[in-house]
Amino acid sequence: MCVLSELDKTDNYGYLLVKTLSTFRVVRAPFTMLRKLTLEGILDQYEMESADGPTVSIIGLLAKAKNGLIN
């Protein structure tokens, strides 16, 4: 639930999200969890050009998942 709560605020840089999730002791494999949520159609992952260098991975909560948080 902490993942959805974080992403409900705004889309997030993948590395930063994993770093944040790692602070919660219940999240043992954040990459695996994010991949599973993406495959289930809850999260969206896309690439974005970085002003400082290489392309970065951004993770966002899909609209149908946001609606589920509200209901």
PDB file of N, CA and C in Angstrom:
ATOM      1  N   MET A   1       0.813  -1.193   0.000  1.00  0.00           N
ATOM      2  CA  MET A   1       0.000   0.000   0.000  1.00  0.00           C
ATOM      3  C   MET A   1       0.862   1.264   0.000  1.00  0.00           C
ATOM      4  N   CYS A   2       2.057   1.188   0.604  1.00  0.00           N
ATOM      5  CA  CYS A   2       2.926   2.364   0.644  1.00  0.00           C
ATOM      6  C   CYS A   2       3.361   2.774  -0.761  1.00  0.00           C
ATOM      7  N   VAL A   3       3.481   1.807  -1.679  1.00  0.00           N
ATOM      8  CA  VAL A   3       3.855   2.103  -3.064  1.00  0.00           C
ATOM      9  C   VAL A   3       2.770   2.936  -3.721  1.00  0.00           C
ATOM     10  N   LEU A   4       1.544   2.490  -3.594  1.00  0.00           N
ATOM     11  CA  LEU A   4       0.426   3.201  -4.211  1.00  0.00           C
ATOM     12  C   LEU A   4       0.255   4.581  -3.602  1.00  0.00           C
ATOM     13  N   SER A   5       0.469   4.693  -2.315  1.00  0.00           N
ATOM     14  CA  SER A   5       0.357   5.982  -1.644  1.00  0.00           C
ATOM     15  C   SER A   5       1.403   6.962  -2.162  1.00  0.00           C
ATOM     16  N   GLU A   6       2.642   6.497  -2.328  1.00  0.00           N
ATOM     17  CA  GLU A   6       3.710   7.343  -2.864  1.00  0.00           C
ATOM     18  C   GLU A   6       3.400   7.796  -4.283  1.00  0.00           C
ATOM     19  N   LEU A   7       2.942   6.861  -5.114  1.00  0.00           N
ATOM     20  CA  LEU A   7       2.692   7.169  -6.522  1.00  0.00           C
ATOM     21  C   LEU A   7       1.388   7.926  -6.733  1.00  0.00           C
ATOM     22  N   ASP A   8       0.506   7.930  -5.742  1.00  0.00           N
ATOM     23  CA  ASP A   8      -0.719   8.703  -5.848  1.00  0.00           C
ATOM     24  C   ASP A   8      -0.403  10.192  -5.822  1.00  0.00           C
ATOM     25  N   LYS A   9       0.690  10.558  -5.189  1.00  0.00           N
ATOM     26  CA  LYS A   9       1.112  11.961  -5.101  1.00  0.00           C
ATOM     27  C   LYS A   9       1.607  12.463  -6.463  1.00  0.00           C
ATOM     28  N   THR A  10       2.525  11.707  -7.070  1.00  0.00           N
ATOM     29  CA  THR A  10       3.112  12.086  -8.350  1.00  0.00           C
ATOM     30  C   THR A  10       3.895  10.909  -8.933  1.00  0.00           C
ATOM     31  N   ASP A  11       4.115  10.908 -10.244  1.00  0.00           N
ATOM     32  CA  ASP A  11       4.987   9.917 -10.855  1.00  0.00           C
ATOM     33  C   ASP A  11       6.375  10.099 -10.251  1.00  0.00           C
ATOM     34  N   ASN A  12       7.141   9.030 -10.214  1.00  0.00           N
ATOM     35  CA  ASN A  12       8.398   9.080  -9.497  1.00  0.00           C
ATOM     36  C   ASN A  12       9.518   8.456 -10.300  1.00  0.00           C
ATOM     37  N   TYR A  13      10.704   8.983 -10.131  1.00  0.00           N
ATOM     38  CA  TYR A  13      11.922   8.442 -10.704  1.00  0.00           C
ATOM     39  C   TYR A  13      12.124   7.061 -10.091  1.00  0.00           C
ATOM     40  N   GLY A  14      12.300   6.036 -10.927  1.00  0.00           N
ATOM     41  CA  GLY A  14      12.363   4.649 -10.474  1.00  0.00           C
ATOM     42  C   GLY A  14      13.351   4.391  -9.353  1.00  0.00           C
ATOM     43  N   TYR A  15      14.579   4.904  -9.481  1.00  0.00           N
ATOM     44  CA  TYR A  15      15.599   4.673  -8.463  1.00  0.00           C
ATOM     45  C   TYR A  15      15.186   5.284  -7.125  1.00  0.00           C
ATOM     46  N   LEU A  16      14.657   6.486  -7.165  1.00  0.00           N
ATOM     47  CA  LEU A  16      14.236   7.152  -5.932  1.00  0.00           C
ATOM     48  C   LEU A  16      13.096   6.392  -5.259  1.00  0.00           C
ATOM     49  N   LEU A  17      12.176   5.882  -6.055  1.00  0.00           N
ATOM     50  CA  LEU A  17      11.061   5.109  -5.511  1.00  0.00           C
ATOM     51  C   LEU A  17      11.566   3.827  -4.837  1.00  0.00           C
ATOM     52  N   VAL A  18      12.481   3.129  -5.493  1.00  0.00           N
ATOM     53  CA  VAL A  18      13.045   1.902  -4.910  1.00  0.00           C
ATOM     54  C   VAL A  18      13.800   2.221  -3.624  1.00  0.00           C
ATOM     55  N   LYS A  19      14.526   3.316  -3.626  1.00  0.00           N
ATOM     56  CA  LYS A  19      15.266   3.728  -2.429  1.00  0.00           C
ATOM     57  C   LYS A  19      14.300   4.020  -1.278  1.00  0.00           C
ATOM     58  N   THR A  20      13.203   4.713  -1.578  1.00  0.00           N
ATOM     59  CA  THR A  20      12.190   5.011  -0.563  1.00  0.00           C
ATOM     60  C   THR A  20      11.553   3.733  -0.039  1.00  0.00           C
ATOM     61  N   LEU A  21      11.201   2.826  -0.943  1.00  0.00           N
ATOM     62  CA  LEU A  21      10.569   1.568  -0.546  1.00  0.00           C
ATOM     63  C   LEU A  21      11.497   0.697   0.287  1.00  0.00           C
ATOM     64  N   SER A  22      12.789   0.791   0.042  1.00  0.00           N
ATOM     65  CA  SER A  22      13.749  -0.012   0.788  1.00  0.00           C
ATOM     66  C   SER A  22      13.810   0.378   2.262  1.00  0.00           C
ATOM     67  N   THR A  23      13.347   1.564   2.590  1.00  0.00           N
ATOM     68  CA  THR A  23      13.352   1.989   3.990  1.00  0.00           C
ATOM     69  C   THR A  23      12.267   1.266   4.790  1.00  0.00           C
ATOM     70  N   PHE A  24      11.253   0.731   4.097  1.00  0.00           N
ATOM     71  CA  PHE A  24      10.215  -0.047   4.759  1.00  0.00           C
ATOM     72  C   PHE A  24      10.694  -1.497   4.852  1.00  0.00           C
ATOM     73  N   ARG A  25      10.772  -2.024   6.019  1.00  0.00           N
ATOM     74  CA  ARG A  25      11.313  -3.373   6.206  1.00  0.00           C
ATOM     75  C   ARG A  25      10.438  -4.462   5.604  1.00  0.00           C
ATOM     76  N   VAL A  26       9.182  -4.177   5.350  1.00  0.00           N
ATOM     77  CA  VAL A  26       8.289  -5.195   4.788  1.00  0.00           C
ATOM     78  C   VAL A  26       8.475  -5.375   3.286  1.00  0.00           C
ATOM     79  N   VAL A  27       9.126  -4.426   2.639  1.00  0.00           N
ATOM     80  CA  VAL A  27       9.368  -4.514   1.192  1.00  0.00           C
ATOM     81  C   VAL A  27      10.740  -5.145   0.980  1.00  0.00           C
ATOM     82  N   ARG A  28      10.746  -6.443   0.673  1.00  0.00           N
ATOM     83  CA  ARG A  28      12.008  -7.180   0.535  1.00  0.00           C
ATOM     84  C   ARG A  28      12.602  -7.078  -0.853  1.00  0.00           C
ATOM     85  N   ALA A  29      11.766  -7.062  -1.869  1.00  0.00           N
ATOM     86  CA  ALA A  29      12.246  -7.033  -3.254  1.00  0.00           C
ATOM     87  C   ALA A  29      11.483  -5.959  -4.018  1.00  0.00           C
ATOM     88  N   PRO A  30      11.864  -4.687  -3.841  1.00  0.00           N
ATOM     89  CA  PRO A  30      11.094  -3.602  -4.469  1.00  0.00           C
ATOM     90  C   PRO A  30      11.031  -3.677  -5.987  1.00  0.00           C
ATOM     91  N   PHE A  31      12.116  -4.087  -6.652  1.00  0.00           N
ATOM     92  CA  PHE A  31      12.089  -4.182  -8.116  1.00  0.00           C
ATOM     93  C   PHE A  31      11.076  -5.218  -8.576  1.00  0.00           C
ATOM     94  N   THR A  32      11.059  -6.357  -7.901  1.00  0.00           N
ATOM     95  CA  THR A  32      10.127  -7.428  -8.245  1.00  0.00           C
ATOM     96  C   THR A  32       8.684  -6.973  -8.029  1.00  0.00           C
ATOM     97  N   MET A  33       8.439  -6.292  -6.931  1.00  0.00           N
ATOM     98  CA  MET A  33       7.097  -5.819  -6.630  1.00  0.00           C
ATOM     99  C   MET A  33       6.625  -4.792  -7.671  1.00  0.00           C
ATOM    100  N   LEU A  34       7.508  -3.865  -8.034  1.00  0.00           N
ATOM    101  CA  LEU A  34       7.142  -2.859  -9.037  1.00  0.00           C
ATOM    102  C   LEU A  34       6.870  -3.505 -10.390  1.00  0.00           C
ATOM    103  N   ARG A  35       7.667  -4.490 -10.749  1.00  0.00           N
ATOM    104  CA  ARG A  35       7.454  -5.196 -12.026  1.00  0.00           C
ATOM    105  C   ARG A  35       6.101  -5.904 -12.032  1.00  0.00           C
ATOM    106  N   LYS A  36       5.775  -6.566 -10.919  1.00  0.00           N
ATOM    107  CA  LYS A  36       4.495  -7.273 -10.817  1.00  0.00           C
ATOM    108  C   LYS A  36       3.321  -6.303 -10.915  1.00  0.00           C
ATOM    109  N   LEU A  37       3.416  -5.160 -10.248  1.00  0.00           N
ATOM    110  CA  LEU A  37       2.343  -4.161 -10.309  1.00  0.00           C
ATOM    111  C   LEU A  37       2.200  -3.583 -11.717  1.00  0.00           C
ATOM    112  N   THR A  38       3.306  -3.492 -12.450  1.00  0.00           N
ATOM    113  CA  THR A  38       3.264  -3.025 -13.835  1.00  0.00           C
ATOM    114  C   THR A  38       2.568  -4.060 -14.717  1.00  0.00           C
ATOM    115  N   LEU A  39       2.927  -5.331 -14.553  1.00  0.00           N
ATOM    116  CA  LEU A  39       2.309  -6.401 -15.342  1.00  0.00           C
ATOM    117  C   LEU A  39       0.814  -6.539 -15.044  1.00  0.00           C
ATOM    118  N   GLU A  40       0.398  -6.205 -13.829  1.00  0.00           N
ATOM    119  CA  GLU A  40      -1.016  -6.291 -13.445  1.00  0.00           C
ATOM    120  C   GLU A  40      -1.819  -5.065 -13.897  1.00  0.00           C
ATOM    121  N   GLY A  41      -1.146  -4.099 -14.539  1.00  0.00           N
ATOM    122  CA  GLY A  41      -1.844  -2.928 -15.053  1.00  0.00           C
ATOM    123  C   GLY A  41      -2.147  -1.871 -14.007  1.00  0.00           C
ATOM    124  N   ILE A  42      -1.414  -1.887 -12.907  1.00  0.00           N
ATOM    125  CA  ILE A  42      -1.610  -0.898 -11.851  1.00  0.00           C
ATOM    126  C   ILE A  42      -0.639   0.267 -12.022  1.00  0.00           C
ATOM    127  N   LEU A  43       0.583  -0.058 -12.449  1.00  0.00           N
ATOM    128  CA  LEU A  43       1.613   0.957 -12.653  1.00  0.00           C
ATOM    129  C   LEU A  43       1.959   1.068 -14.126  1.00  0.00           C
ATOM    130  N   ASP A  44       2.478   2.216 -14.487  1.00  0.00           N
ATOM    131  CA  ASP A  44       2.981   2.455 -15.836  1.00  0.00           C
ATOM    132  C   ASP A  44       4.440   2.865 -15.695  1.00  0.00           C
ATOM    133  N   GLN A  45       5.274   2.365 -16.581  1.00  0.00           N
ATOM    134  CA  GLN A  45       6.676   2.725 -16.568  1.00  0.00           C
ATOM    135  C   GLN A  45       7.024   3.324 -17.922  1.00  0.00           C
ATOM    136  N   TYR A  46       7.675   4.473 -17.912  1.00  0.00           N
ATOM    137  CA  TYR A  46       8.057   5.110 -19.161  1.00  0.00           C
ATOM    138  C   TYR A  46       9.419   5.781 -19.008  1.00  0.00           C
ATOM    139  N   GLU A  47      10.037   6.064 -20.132  1.00  0.00           N
ATOM    140  CA  GLU A  47      11.354   6.686 -20.159  1.00  0.00           C
ATOM    141  C   GLU A  47      11.204   8.190 -20.349  1.00  0.00           C
ATOM    142  N   MET A  48      12.138   8.925 -19.767  1.00  0.00           N
ATOM    143  CA  MET A  48      12.104  10.381 -19.872  1.00  0.00           C
ATOM    144  C   MET A  48      13.538  10.890 -20.013  1.00  0.00           C
ATOM    145  N   GLU A  49      13.721  11.843 -20.911  1.00  0.00           N
ATOM    146  CA  GLU A  49      15.047  12.436 -21.099  1.00  0.00           C
ATOM    147  C   GLU A  49      15.436  13.197 -19.837  1.00  0.00           C
ATOM    148  N   SER A  50      16.676  13.019 -19.431  1.00  0.00           N
ATOM    149  CA  SER A  50      17.200  13.732 -18.276  1.00  0.00           C
ATOM    150  C   SER A  50      18.011  14.927 -18.754  1.00  0.00           C
ATOM    151  N   ALA A  51      17.898  16.038 -18.076  1.00  0.00           N
ATOM    152  CA  ALA A  51      18.669  17.224 -18.445  1.00  0.00           C
ATOM    153  C   ALA A  51      20.155  17.007 -18.167  1.00  0.00           C
ATOM    154  N   ASP A  52      20.454  16.108 -17.231  1.00  0.00           N
ATOM    155  CA  ASP A  52      21.839  15.891 -16.810  1.00  0.00           C
ATOM    156  C   ASP A  52      22.549  14.762 -17.543  1.00  0.00           C
ATOM    157  N   GLY A  53      21.835  13.962 -18.303  1.00  0.00           N
ATOM    158  CA  GLY A  53      22.516  12.859 -18.951  1.00  0.00           C
ATOM    159  C   GLY A  53      21.579  11.836 -19.553  1.00  0.00           C
ATOM    160  N   PRO A  54      21.727  10.575 -19.120  1.00  0.00           N
ATOM    161  CA  PRO A  54      20.985   9.486 -19.750  1.00  0.00           C
ATOM    162  C   PRO A  54      19.485   9.522 -19.454  1.00  0.00           C
ATOM    163  N   THR A  55      18.751   8.768 -20.250  1.00  0.00           N
ATOM    164  CA  THR A  55      17.314   8.625 -20.065  1.00  0.00           C
ATOM    165  C   THR A  55      17.050   7.943 -18.726  1.00  0.00           C
ATOM    166  N   VAL A  56      15.991   8.376 -18.027  1.00  0.00           N
ATOM    167  CA  VAL A  56      15.644   7.792 -16.730  1.00  0.00           C
ATOM    168  C   VAL A  56      14.289   7.101 -16.808  1.00  0.00           C
ATOM    169  N   SER A  57      14.102   6.147 -15.944  1.00  0.00           N
ATOM    170  CA  SER A  57      12.850   5.402 -15.864  1.00  0.00           C
ATOM    171  C   SER A  57      11.929   6.085 -14.862  1.00  0.00           C
ATOM    172  N   ILE A  58      10.699   6.368 -15.295  1.00  0.00           N
ATOM    173  CA  ILE A  58       9.698   7.001 -14.438  1.00  0.00           C
ATOM    174  C   ILE A  58       8.562   6.006 -14.225  1.00  0.00           C
ATOM    175  N   ILE A  59       8.083   5.925 -13.003  1.00  0.00           N
ATOM    176  CA  ILE A  59       6.993   5.005 -12.673  1.00  0.00           C
ATOM    177  C   ILE A  59       5.809   5.822 -12.188  1.00  0.00           C
ATOM    178  N   GLY A  60       4.636   5.509 -12.729  1.00  0.00           N
ATOM    179  CA  GLY A  60       3.426   6.232 -12.358  1.00  0.00           C
ATOM    180  C   GLY A  60       2.257   5.296 -12.114  1.00  0.00           C
ATOM    181  N   LEU A  61       1.309   5.775 -11.380  1.00  0.00           N
ATOM    182  CA  LEU A  61       0.099   5.028 -11.068  1.00  0.00           C
ATOM    183  C   LEU A  61      -0.915   5.275 -12.176  1.00  0.00           C
ATOM    184  N   LEU A  62      -1.440   4.218 -12.774  1.00  0.00           N
ATOM    185  CA  LEU A  62      -2.433   4.359 -13.839  1.00  0.00           C
ATOM    186  C   LEU A  62      -3.744   4.901 -13.286  1.00  0.00           C
ATOM    187  N   ALA A  63      -4.500   5.590 -14.128  1.00  0.00           N
ATOM    188  CA  ALA A  63      -5.742   6.237 -13.711  1.00  0.00           C
ATOM    189  C   ALA A  63      -6.721   5.260 -13.063  1.00  0.00           C
ATOM    190  N   LYS A  64      -6.837   4.049 -13.604  1.00  0.00           N
ATOM    191  CA  LYS A  64      -7.793   3.088 -13.035  1.00  0.00           C
ATOM    192  C   LYS A  64      -7.384   2.700 -11.611  1.00  0.00           C
ATOM    193  N   ALA A  65      -6.090   2.675 -11.342  1.00  0.00           N
ATOM    194  CA  ALA A  65      -5.621   2.376  -9.986  1.00  0.00           C
ATOM    195  C   ALA A  65      -5.886   3.555  -9.058  1.00  0.00           C
ATOM    196  N   LYS A  66      -5.706   4.787  -9.569  1.00  0.00           N
ATOM    197  CA  LYS A  66      -6.005   5.973  -8.764  1.00  0.00           C
ATOM    198  C   LYS A  66      -7.477   6.000  -8.390  1.00  0.00           C
ATOM    199  N   ASN A  67      -8.331   5.658  -9.347  1.00  0.00           N
ATOM    200  CA  ASN A  67      -9.767   5.633  -9.063  1.00  0.00           C
ATOM    201  C   ASN A  67     -10.082   4.590  -7.987  1.00  0.00           C
ATOM    202  N   GLY A  68      -9.345   3.484  -7.997  1.00  0.00           N
ATOM    203  CA  GLY A  68      -9.534   2.450  -6.995  1.00  0.00           C
ATOM    204  C   GLY A  68      -9.134   2.913  -5.599  1.00  0.00           C
ATOM    205  N   LEU A  69      -8.158   3.810  -5.527  1.00  0.00           N
ATOM    206  CA  LEU A  69      -7.742   4.356  -4.237  1.00  0.00           C
ATOM    207  C   LEU A  69      -8.810   5.275  -3.672  1.00  0.00           C
ATOM    208  N   ILE A  70      -9.509   5.966  -4.557  1.00  0.00           N
ATOM    209  CA  ILE A  70     -10.530   6.913  -4.121  1.00  0.00           C
ATOM    210  C   ILE A  70     -11.775   6.181  -3.661  1.00  0.00           C
ATOM    211  N   ASN A  71     -12.167   5.100  -4.373  1.00  0.00           N
ATOM    212  CA  ASN A  71     -13.388   4.378  -4.041  1.00  0.00           C
ATOM    213  C   ASN A  71     -13.250   3.533  -2.812  1.00  0.00           C
TER     214      ASN A  71
END
